[in-house]
Structure formats: structure tokens, C-alpha cells
Amino acid sequence: MRQRFFWLMLVLVLPWLVACGAGTPTGSVPTTDASGGESAATDDGVDRTRLSRELYFYNWSDYINPEILTQFEEEYGVRVIVDIFDSNEDLIAKIRAGNSGYDLIAPSDYAVQIIALDDLAAPLDQTLLPNMQYLDPGLLNKYFDPGNVISVPYMYGLTGIAYNRTFFPEGITSWSVLFDPAQLPAFRGRFSMLDDERETPGAVLKYLGASINTTDPAILQQVETILIDQKPFLASYNSSDVNRRLASEEFILAHTWSGAAMQARTGLGDEFSGNANIAFVIPDEGGAIWMDNLVILRESPNAYTAHVFINFLLRPDVAATNADYVGYLTPNEAAIPLLSQEVRDLYAAGFAPDEAMLERLEWIERDEDTVVFTELWTRVKGQ
């Protein structure tokens, strides 16, 4: 009787056990999105059921190819909405306030440090970023984010001088063209400086032969005096559309980033035409090297989608298309052979660093002592 009862129960219960366990290995839980749908990973490893419909990206101006956004939407069904900031300080102030509405941001190196200290970033899941394999190892694990815990390189560049060769046929070799009072009257109102509390004082520091990160009070007093004396000749502090103003020859000289200078030279898609007379130089005294990064905000409800977008941007073909458009330097080693010949030629002409130039470049760092730059910049801008 016991045997017959056992087999009867087995016949009744076994189909139920199989149905309950089908497709789910022991101890696993199906991955769901916000609506409760099961995981639907495809050949590219992306689970479409977990993707949001929109992703909000807070970025610098003219810093992503619009065609890439269209391509991402076509491939993944996600619309990326881009808003613009003009400085790291504006970015930090916006996200510190909370409820920014953004998922992904593009802070520069030292700003990543601040964001980390303020616990504003979500830790990255590098298993979702296999395309990190294409990045230059020399641009990973930098001082501002050891181990790339919260950031991935996006673009990097140099800060120097863009100029119009028609007006400077012999070229430019020194920061003195921007800071020597004897030279400035010749182009009053036709040049600009970056609207940046570290970059602009940093250029003066290089002119004075000092480190871009020095906080020596006596040297910073010289910097402040030079910048205040420069102001009557200056068209503006400009970090947003200096590319357009150089291309149109409203500006004939500018303290700016290498990519903005290249945009002035080559144009920017349908936005504006380039000017073949624009050149870019790192003066003999040296300049800055920097890197902008992709960081997912801790407050983002769309972290998975942000990872997918970052990994998409790291695809070599996408990275090359993006770098061709924006003119900055791609950290993606596999993308470099895919760049247009025009861009590679301009890299070789000084828009990218060679070994000799790298010796004259310095990273901007941020620590508790560098608050003096905020104070200096406030006084300069207030004059």
C-alpha cells in the first residue's frame, strides 16, 4: 500500500514540479524591468526589457555627434536628450542640489574627484562595459578615479591657443601674446579666454613658468594682476561658442581647447563651416592636458540604460564617428585607425600631442588647497 501511495503521489506532483522549475536554474531569479517583464537579452548581451524609453545626458556644448544619438535610438529604442553646461562648476552646482533629472554627465578629471567625494555617482558595473577593452590603458586608472570605479574616459584634449594664421603669419610660440600688455592693443576685442576658474589662471601660471597647480600666494597675486590688466582688451570669457567665433573671424585669437580649435578649422556638421586659416599651438611654456569622462549619477533611475549607452559610445566605429565630428582626442585605441584622414592629419599638425609636446603638458588637480582658485576667479570676474 505504501508503495502504491508513493507512486500515485509522484504521478500527481511531478508535472507541477516540472512546470514550476522550467527555465529557472536552481537559486536564480528572472531579471525584470520596472514593469515586471522577464529578461530578454539578445546577441549583443543587452536586455531590451530593462531599457528606459529616454536617457538624460548633461554634456558640454558641441560634444557629441547628433547622428550617434539617432543611431542609438534606432538600435535600442532609447531617445537620448542632451542638455548643455558651460563649466564643471556649473555642472557640480546643478547635481549637488539633487533632483537634477539627469542620468549621465560628462565631468572633467578634477570634477570627478569632487563628485566622488560628494557621493553623487553610481558605481559602475564594468561587466556591462565590455568595450572598455578598446581604451588606451594609459588613460585608465588616473589620479581622479583609481580603478575607474565611477568614470569611463569619453574624450581628452589639450588647452592652448587657437589663432588665425592670416593675422599671425609667423605663428605663435608664447603665452605672452595673451598676457603681455604691450601686445594686446593690436587685437583689442578680438580674442577670448576660457570662462574657467582653473584653466584661465592656469594659462597665466604657465606663462610665469610655474606649475598649473601651484597655490603659492605671491604667484597667485601676480596671476590676478595679469588677468585684471588683460580684461579691458578682452572680448569675453567664452567656453561655449568660441569655435564659431573663430571660424567667422569675429575672434582671431583664443585661449581654448584643442577640439574647439579643430571645430573652428573643419566646421561642425551642418552647424557652421570651418576656417582653413585656424591653427592651434601649445606654447613653449606649456599647457594643460585633461580628460572628460562619463559618470552615471547615483540618483538616476536608468542606470542600466546608461551603461548600455556608455558601452555603445565605446564601440570603435561609434567612437571614431564621434571623434571625427567633435574634433577632440578619442581615448579609444581601436577607433584611431577608423578616423578620417583629415582628422588624423590635423592631429599630426599639432591638434594632438606628440612625445615632445607631452613633456610640456600638465594635468589640473584639485584638493583642499585649490579653493584659492575659486576665490581668485571671483575677484577677477567681479572687476
Protein backbone atom coordinates (compact mmCIF):
# COMPACT_ATOMS: atom_id res chain seq x y z
CA MET A 1 0.00 0.00 0.00
CA ARG A 2 2.79 2.40 0.89
CA GLN A 3 4.48 1.73 -2.46
CA ARG A 4 1.26 2.28 -4.40
CA PHE A 5 0.58 5.53 -2.48
CA PHE A 6 4.13 6.82 -3.22
CA TRP A 7 3.84 6.24 -6.97
CA LEU A 8 0.39 7.75 -7.08
CA MET A 9 1.62 10.94 -5.39
CA LEU A 10 4.66 11.09 -7.69
CA VAL A 11 2.46 10.90 -10.78
CA LEU A 12 0.26 13.71 -9.47
CA VAL A 13 3.00 16.05 -8.22
CA LEU A 14 5.77 15.60 -10.84
CA PRO A 15 4.10 17.64 -13.63
CA TRP A 16 3.58 20.51 -11.20
CA LEU A 17 7.25 20.44 -10.10
CA VAL A 18 8.48 20.46 -13.69
CA ALA A 19 6.25 23.38 -14.64
CA CYS A 20 7.39 25.43 -11.67
CA GLY A 21 11.06 24.80 -12.29
CA ALA A 22 11.18 25.04 -16.07
CA GLY A 23 13.66 27.59 -17.43
CA THR A 24 14.88 28.73 -14.00
CA PRO A 25 18.13 27.20 -12.70
CA THR A 26 18.19 26.41 -9.01
CA GLY A 27 18.71 29.57 -6.95
CA SER A 28 18.22 32.04 -9.84
CA VAL A 29 15.64 34.78 -10.21
CA PRO A 30 14.41 36.08 -13.58
CA THR A 31 15.68 39.59 -14.36
CA THR A 32 12.82 42.04 -14.60
CA ASP A 33 12.40 45.67 -15.56
CA ALA A 34 10.26 48.18 -13.73
CA SER A 35 7.14 46.68 -15.28
CA GLY A 36 7.98 43.15 -14.19
CA GLY A 37 8.81 41.68 -17.61
CA GLU A 38 11.29 38.83 -17.82
CA SER A 39 14.83 39.22 -19.15
CA ALA A 40 15.18 39.31 -22.93
CA ALA A 41 18.92 39.53 -23.56
CA THR A 42 19.89 39.46 -27.24
CA ASP A 43 23.06 38.54 -29.07
CA ASP A 44 24.70 41.81 -28.03
CA GLY A 45 24.04 40.99 -24.38
CA VAL A 46 21.59 43.86 -23.91
CA ASP A 47 18.33 43.12 -22.14
CA ARG A 48 15.84 45.29 -24.04
CA THR A 49 13.19 44.85 -21.34
CA ARG A 50 15.38 46.78 -18.88
CA LEU A 51 15.92 49.80 -21.13
CA SER A 52 14.20 53.07 -20.37
CA ARG A 53 12.48 54.99 -23.14
CA GLU A 54 14.57 58.11 -22.52
CA LEU A 55 18.01 58.91 -21.14
CA TYR A 56 19.01 62.38 -19.97
CA PHE A 57 22.63 63.36 -20.70
CA TYR A 58 24.20 66.55 -19.27
CA ASN A 59 27.10 67.38 -21.56
CA TRP A 60 29.37 70.13 -22.86
CA SER A 61 28.28 72.06 -25.96
CA ASP A 62 29.07 70.58 -29.39
CA TYR A 63 30.37 67.45 -27.72
CA ILE A 64 28.53 64.59 -29.36
CA ASN A 65 27.64 63.78 -32.94
CA PRO A 66 23.84 64.05 -33.32
CA GLU A 67 23.91 61.15 -35.77
CA ILE A 68 25.16 58.90 -32.97
CA LEU A 69 22.11 59.74 -30.88
CA THR A 70 19.88 58.82 -33.81
CA GLN A 71 21.79 55.57 -34.32
CA PHE A 72 21.44 54.64 -30.65
CA GLU A 73 17.71 55.28 -30.75
CA GLU A 74 17.36 53.15 -33.89
CA GLU A 75 19.33 50.27 -32.37
CA TYR A 76 17.91 50.34 -28.84
CA GLY A 77 14.71 52.37 -28.95
CA VAL A 78 16.04 54.86 -26.40
CA ARG A 79 15.86 58.60 -27.01
CA VAL A 80 18.85 60.45 -25.55
CA ILE A 81 18.05 64.02 -24.50
CA VAL A 82 21.10 66.28 -24.18
CA ASP A 83 21.30 69.42 -22.08
CA ILE A 84 24.35 71.68 -22.01
CA PHE A 85 26.58 73.07 -19.27
CA ASP A 86 29.45 75.54 -19.73
CA SER A 87 31.75 74.70 -16.82
CA ASN A 88 32.48 71.96 -14.33
CA GLU A 89 31.46 74.32 -11.56
CA ASP A 90 28.00 74.80 -13.13
CA LEU A 91 27.67 71.04 -13.50
CA ILE A 92 28.62 70.34 -9.89
CA ALA A 93 26.27 73.02 -8.55
CA LYS A 94 23.39 71.55 -10.55
CA ILE A 95 23.80 67.96 -9.40
CA ARG A 96 24.66 68.84 -5.80
CA ALA A 97 21.22 70.40 -5.45
CA GLY A 98 19.66 66.99 -6.13
CA ASN A 99 16.74 66.02 -8.36
CA SER A 100 18.66 67.19 -11.40
CA GLY A 101 16.73 64.91 -13.73
CA TYR A 102 19.93 63.69 -15.38
CA ASP A 103 21.16 60.14 -15.73
CA LEU A 104 24.59 60.65 -17.27
CA ILE A 105 27.10 63.50 -17.07
CA ALA A 106 30.49 64.35 -18.64
CA PRO A 107 32.69 65.92 -15.94
CA SER A 108 36.37 66.70 -16.40
CA ASP A 109 39.05 64.89 -14.42
CA TYR A 110 39.24 67.00 -11.26
CA ALA A 111 35.45 67.34 -11.19
CA VAL A 112 35.19 63.54 -10.99
CA GLN A 113 37.11 63.77 -7.70
CA ILE A 114 34.60 66.23 -6.28
CA ILE A 115 31.64 64.16 -7.45
CA ALA A 116 33.17 61.08 -5.80
CA LEU A 117 33.79 62.89 -2.52
CA ASP A 118 30.20 64.13 -2.50
CA ASP A 119 28.94 60.57 -3.22
CA LEU A 120 26.94 61.76 -6.23
CA ALA A 121 27.95 58.99 -8.63
CA ALA A 122 26.73 55.44 -9.02
CA PRO A 123 29.42 52.75 -9.03
CA LEU A 124 29.97 51.30 -12.49
CA ASP A 125 29.25 47.69 -13.32
CA GLN A 126 32.18 47.03 -15.64
CA THR A 127 30.69 43.68 -16.67
CA LEU A 128 28.17 45.78 -18.62
CA LEU A 129 31.01 47.70 -20.31
CA PRO A 130 32.96 45.09 -22.32
CA ASN A 131 34.03 47.76 -24.82
CA MET A 132 36.33 49.25 -22.19
CA GLN A 133 38.84 46.77 -23.64
CA TYR A 134 39.40 49.22 -26.51
CA LEU A 135 40.51 52.11 -24.29
CA ASP A 136 44.12 53.22 -24.03
CA PRO A 137 45.39 51.69 -20.76
CA GLY A 138 47.45 54.83 -20.19
CA LEU A 139 44.21 56.82 -19.83
CA LEU A 140 42.66 54.47 -17.29
CA ASN A 141 43.20 54.35 -13.54
CA LYS A 142 44.07 58.05 -13.35
CA TYR A 143 44.55 60.03 -10.16
CA PHE A 144 40.96 61.26 -10.04
CA ASP A 145 39.35 57.78 -10.15
CA PRO A 146 41.70 54.88 -9.35
CA GLY A 147 40.31 51.70 -10.82
CA ASN A 148 37.66 53.62 -12.81
CA VAL A 149 35.14 52.91 -10.10
CA ILE A 150 32.72 55.66 -11.21
CA SER A 151 34.04 57.02 -14.52
CA VAL A 152 34.97 55.98 -18.05
CA PRO A 153 37.07 58.15 -20.40
CA TYR A 154 34.97 59.95 -23.02
CA MET A 155 37.29 62.42 -24.76
CA TYR A 156 40.54 64.09 -23.85
CA GLY A 157 42.28 67.17 -25.11
CA LEU A 158 44.73 69.97 -24.65
CA THR A 159 44.38 73.61 -23.68
CA GLY A 160 46.43 76.10 -25.64
CA ILE A 161 45.97 78.89 -28.17
CA ALA A 162 43.91 78.86 -31.36
CA TYR A 163 44.74 81.59 -33.81
CA ASN A 164 44.09 82.77 -37.35
CA ARG A 165 47.22 82.45 -39.48
CA THR A 166 46.14 85.37 -41.67
CA PHE A 167 46.69 87.69 -38.70
CA PHE A 168 49.65 85.79 -37.23
CA PRO A 169 51.57 84.61 -40.30
CA GLU A 170 54.69 83.84 -38.29
CA GLY A 171 52.77 81.69 -35.84
CA ILE A 172 52.61 81.90 -32.05
CA THR A 173 55.06 80.36 -29.61
CA SER A 174 54.36 82.03 -26.25
CA TRP A 175 51.51 82.83 -23.87
CA SER A 176 52.80 86.40 -23.94
CA VAL A 177 50.54 87.09 -26.92
CA LEU A 178 47.62 86.92 -24.48
CA PHE A 179 49.19 88.42 -21.36
CA ASP A 180 51.81 91.00 -22.40
CA PRO A 181 50.11 94.44 -22.17
CA ALA A 182 52.33 95.73 -24.97
CA GLN A 183 50.88 93.21 -27.44
CA LEU A 184 47.20 93.35 -26.53
CA PRO A 185 46.11 96.71 -28.09
CA ALA A 186 46.69 95.31 -31.59
CA PHE A 187 43.72 92.95 -31.28
CA ARG A 188 41.56 94.58 -28.63
CA GLY A 189 38.11 92.99 -28.54
CA ARG A 190 39.04 90.17 -30.92
CA PHE A 191 40.23 87.48 -28.54
CA SER A 192 38.80 85.44 -25.69
CA MET A 193 39.81 83.41 -22.66
CA LEU A 194 38.05 80.33 -21.33
CA ASP A 195 35.39 81.00 -18.71
CA ASP A 196 37.03 78.59 -16.28
CA GLU A 197 38.44 79.17 -12.82
CA ARG A 198 41.25 76.66 -13.28
CA GLU A 199 42.09 76.85 -16.97
CA THR A 200 42.45 80.63 -17.27
CA PRO A 201 44.58 81.21 -14.15
CA GLY A 202 46.44 78.05 -15.18
CA ALA A 203 47.43 79.60 -18.51
CA VAL A 204 48.90 82.58 -16.66
CA LEU A 205 50.76 80.23 -14.32
CA LYS A 206 52.38 78.52 -17.31
CA TYR A 207 53.28 81.96 -18.72
CA LEU A 208 55.00 82.74 -15.42
CA GLY A 209 56.90 79.44 -15.52
CA ALA A 210 55.00 77.97 -12.56
CA SER A 211 53.06 74.76 -12.12
CA ILE A 212 49.45 74.90 -13.20
CA ASN A 213 48.58 73.62 -9.70
CA THR A 214 50.64 75.98 -7.58
CA THR A 215 48.84 77.72 -4.74
CA ASP A 216 51.72 79.99 -3.73
CA PRO A 217 50.07 83.27 -2.62
CA ALA A 218 52.74 85.52 -4.13
CA ILE A 219 52.49 83.85 -7.55
CA LEU A 220 48.69 83.84 -7.49
CA GLN A 221 48.73 87.56 -6.76
CA GLN A 222 50.72 88.04 -9.97
CA VAL A 223 48.18 85.90 -11.81
CA GLU A 224 45.31 88.01 -10.53
CA THR A 225 47.01 91.25 -11.53
CA ILE A 226 47.76 89.98 -15.05
CA LEU A 227 44.17 88.84 -15.60
CA ILE A 228 42.69 92.11 -14.34
CA ASP A 229 45.07 94.11 -16.54
CA GLN A 230 44.03 91.94 -19.53
CA LYS A 231 40.29 92.49 -19.12
CA PRO A 232 39.97 95.86 -20.93
CA PHE A 233 41.31 94.24 -24.10
CA LEU A 234 39.31 91.03 -23.86
CA ALA A 235 36.22 90.34 -25.98
CA SER A 236 34.83 87.87 -23.44
CA TYR A 237 35.37 84.84 -21.29
CA ASN A 238 34.00 82.16 -23.57
CA SER A 239 33.72 78.41 -23.15
CA SER A 240 30.61 77.79 -25.25
CA ASP A 241 30.86 79.13 -28.82
CA VAL A 242 34.48 80.18 -29.27
CA ASN A 243 34.63 77.66 -32.14
CA ARG A 244 32.02 79.58 -34.13
CA ARG A 245 33.57 82.96 -33.38
CA LEU A 246 36.99 81.79 -34.52
CA ALA A 247 35.55 80.32 -37.69
CA SER A 248 33.73 83.56 -38.53
CA GLU A 249 36.86 85.64 -37.67
CA GLU A 250 34.99 87.58 -35.00
CA PHE A 251 37.85 86.24 -32.88
CA ILE A 252 41.33 85.99 -34.36
CA LEU A 253 42.88 84.54 -31.22
CA ALA A 254 41.58 82.47 -28.33
CA HIS A 255 42.65 80.57 -25.26
CA THR A 256 40.75 77.37 -25.88
CA TRP A 257 40.62 73.61 -26.07
CA SER A 258 42.15 71.65 -28.94
CA GLY A 259 38.80 70.24 -30.04
CA ALA A 260 37.13 73.65 -30.17
CA ALA A 261 40.05 74.82 -32.30
CA MET A 262 39.62 71.84 -34.63
CA GLN A 263 35.89 72.55 -34.92
CA ALA A 264 36.76 76.13 -35.90
CA ARG A 265 39.14 74.71 -38.51
CA THR A 266 36.93 71.97 -40.01
CA GLY A 267 33.43 73.16 -39.20
CA LEU A 268 30.77 71.29 -37.28
CA GLY A 269 28.43 69.26 -39.47
CA ASP A 270 25.52 71.41 -40.58
CA GLU A 271 26.08 73.87 -37.73
CA PHE A 272 28.75 76.07 -39.32
CA SER A 273 31.55 75.99 -41.89
CA GLY A 274 35.19 75.78 -40.91
CA ASN A 275 38.02 78.21 -41.50
CA ALA A 276 41.18 76.71 -43.03
CA ASN A 277 43.28 79.50 -41.50
CA ILE A 278 42.77 78.33 -37.93
CA ALA A 279 45.81 76.79 -36.23
CA PHE A 280 46.39 75.50 -32.71
CA VAL A 281 49.51 75.59 -30.56
CA ILE A 282 50.72 74.61 -27.13
CA PRO A 283 53.07 77.49 -26.26
CA ASP A 284 56.68 76.83 -25.37
CA GLU A 285 55.91 77.43 -21.69
CA GLY A 286 53.43 74.52 -21.72
CA GLY A 287 49.71 73.97 -21.34
CA ALA A 288 47.09 71.68 -19.85
CA ILE A 289 46.05 68.15 -20.68
CA TRP A 290 42.68 66.96 -19.43
CA MET A 291 40.08 64.28 -19.86
CA ASP A 292 36.30 64.36 -19.81
CA ASN A 293 34.55 61.29 -18.51
CA LEU A 294 31.20 59.57 -18.44
CA VAL A 295 29.64 59.25 -14.99
CA ILE A 296 26.25 57.84 -14.03
CA LEU A 297 24.51 59.79 -11.28
CA ARG A 298 23.52 57.91 -8.14
CA GLU A 299 20.07 59.47 -8.38
CA SER A 300 19.48 58.10 -11.89
CA PRO A 301 16.60 55.61 -12.18
CA ASN A 302 18.02 54.46 -15.53
CA ALA A 303 21.46 53.16 -14.62
CA TYR A 304 21.18 50.05 -16.78
CA THR A 305 20.30 52.12 -19.85
CA ALA A 306 23.17 54.50 -19.07
CA HIS A 307 25.59 51.55 -19.02
CA VAL A 308 24.29 50.39 -22.40
CA PHE A 309 24.75 53.89 -23.83
CA ILE A 310 28.29 54.18 -22.46
CA ASN A 311 29.20 50.80 -23.93
CA PHE A 312 27.72 51.93 -27.26
CA LEU A 313 29.89 55.07 -27.22
CA LEU A 314 32.94 52.87 -26.58
CA ARG A 315 32.36 50.81 -29.71
CA PRO A 316 35.32 51.63 -32.02
CA ASP A 317 33.18 52.56 -35.03
CA VAL A 318 30.95 54.80 -32.90
CA ALA A 319 33.93 56.36 -31.09
CA ALA A 320 35.59 57.18 -34.43
CA THR A 321 32.43 58.76 -35.85
CA ASN A 322 32.07 60.81 -32.69
CA ALA A 323 35.71 61.97 -32.62
CA ASP A 324 35.60 62.90 -36.32
CA TYR A 325 32.68 65.18 -35.54
CA VAL A 326 33.72 66.80 -32.26
CA GLY A 327 37.44 67.11 -33.06
CA TYR A 328 38.68 66.10 -29.63
CA LEU A 329 41.02 63.20 -28.95
CA THR A 330 39.50 59.78 -28.58
CA PRO A 331 40.86 57.57 -25.78
CA ASN A 332 39.71 54.59 -27.85
CA GLU A 333 42.80 52.98 -29.37
CA ALA A 334 40.80 50.79 -31.73
CA ALA A 335 38.98 53.86 -33.10
CA ILE A 336 42.07 55.76 -34.21
CA PRO A 337 42.63 53.81 -37.47
CA LEU A 338 38.96 54.45 -38.31
CA LEU A 339 39.25 58.25 -38.10
CA SER A 340 39.05 60.31 -41.28
CA GLN A 341 42.34 61.18 -42.95
CA GLU A 342 41.63 64.89 -42.41
CA VAL A 343 41.38 64.46 -38.66
CA ARG A 344 44.48 62.27 -38.48
CA ASP A 345 46.42 64.88 -40.48
CA LEU A 346 45.33 67.63 -38.09
CA TYR A 347 46.31 65.50 -35.11
CA ALA A 348 49.77 65.28 -36.65
CA ALA A 349 49.79 69.05 -37.24
CA GLY A 350 49.60 69.87 -33.53
CA PHE A 351 45.97 69.28 -32.59
CA ALA A 352 47.14 66.12 -30.77
CA PRO A 353 50.29 65.75 -28.64
CA ASP A 354 53.48 64.09 -29.75
CA GLU A 355 56.08 62.92 -27.24
CA ALA A 356 57.82 66.31 -27.13
CA MET A 357 54.56 68.16 -26.53
CA LEU A 358 53.54 65.79 -23.75
CA GLU A 359 56.58 66.93 -21.80
CA ARG A 360 55.10 70.45 -21.70
CA LEU A 361 51.62 69.42 -20.58
CA GLU A 362 50.26 69.20 -17.06
CA TRP A 363 47.10 67.77 -15.51
CA ILE A 364 44.92 70.10 -13.44
CA GLU A 365 44.42 68.66 -9.96
CA ARG A 366 42.01 69.56 -7.20
CA ASP A 367 42.45 69.31 -3.44
CA GLU A 368 41.58 71.25 -0.31
CA ASP A 369 44.19 73.90 -1.11
CA THR A 370 42.90 74.75 -4.60
CA VAL A 371 39.83 76.55 -3.28
CA VAL A 372 42.06 79.62 -3.66
CA PHE A 373 41.35 79.47 -7.41
CA THR A 374 37.64 79.93 -6.79
CA GLU A 375 38.38 82.97 -4.70
CA LEU A 376 40.83 84.37 -7.25
CA TRP A 377 38.37 83.86 -10.11
CA THR A 378 35.56 85.51 -8.18
CA ARG A 379 37.70 88.61 -7.69
CA VAL A 380 38.80 88.70 -11.35
CA LYS A 381 35.27 88.28 -12.70
CA GLY A 382 34.00 90.90 -10.27
CA GLN A 383 36.33 93.61 -11.54
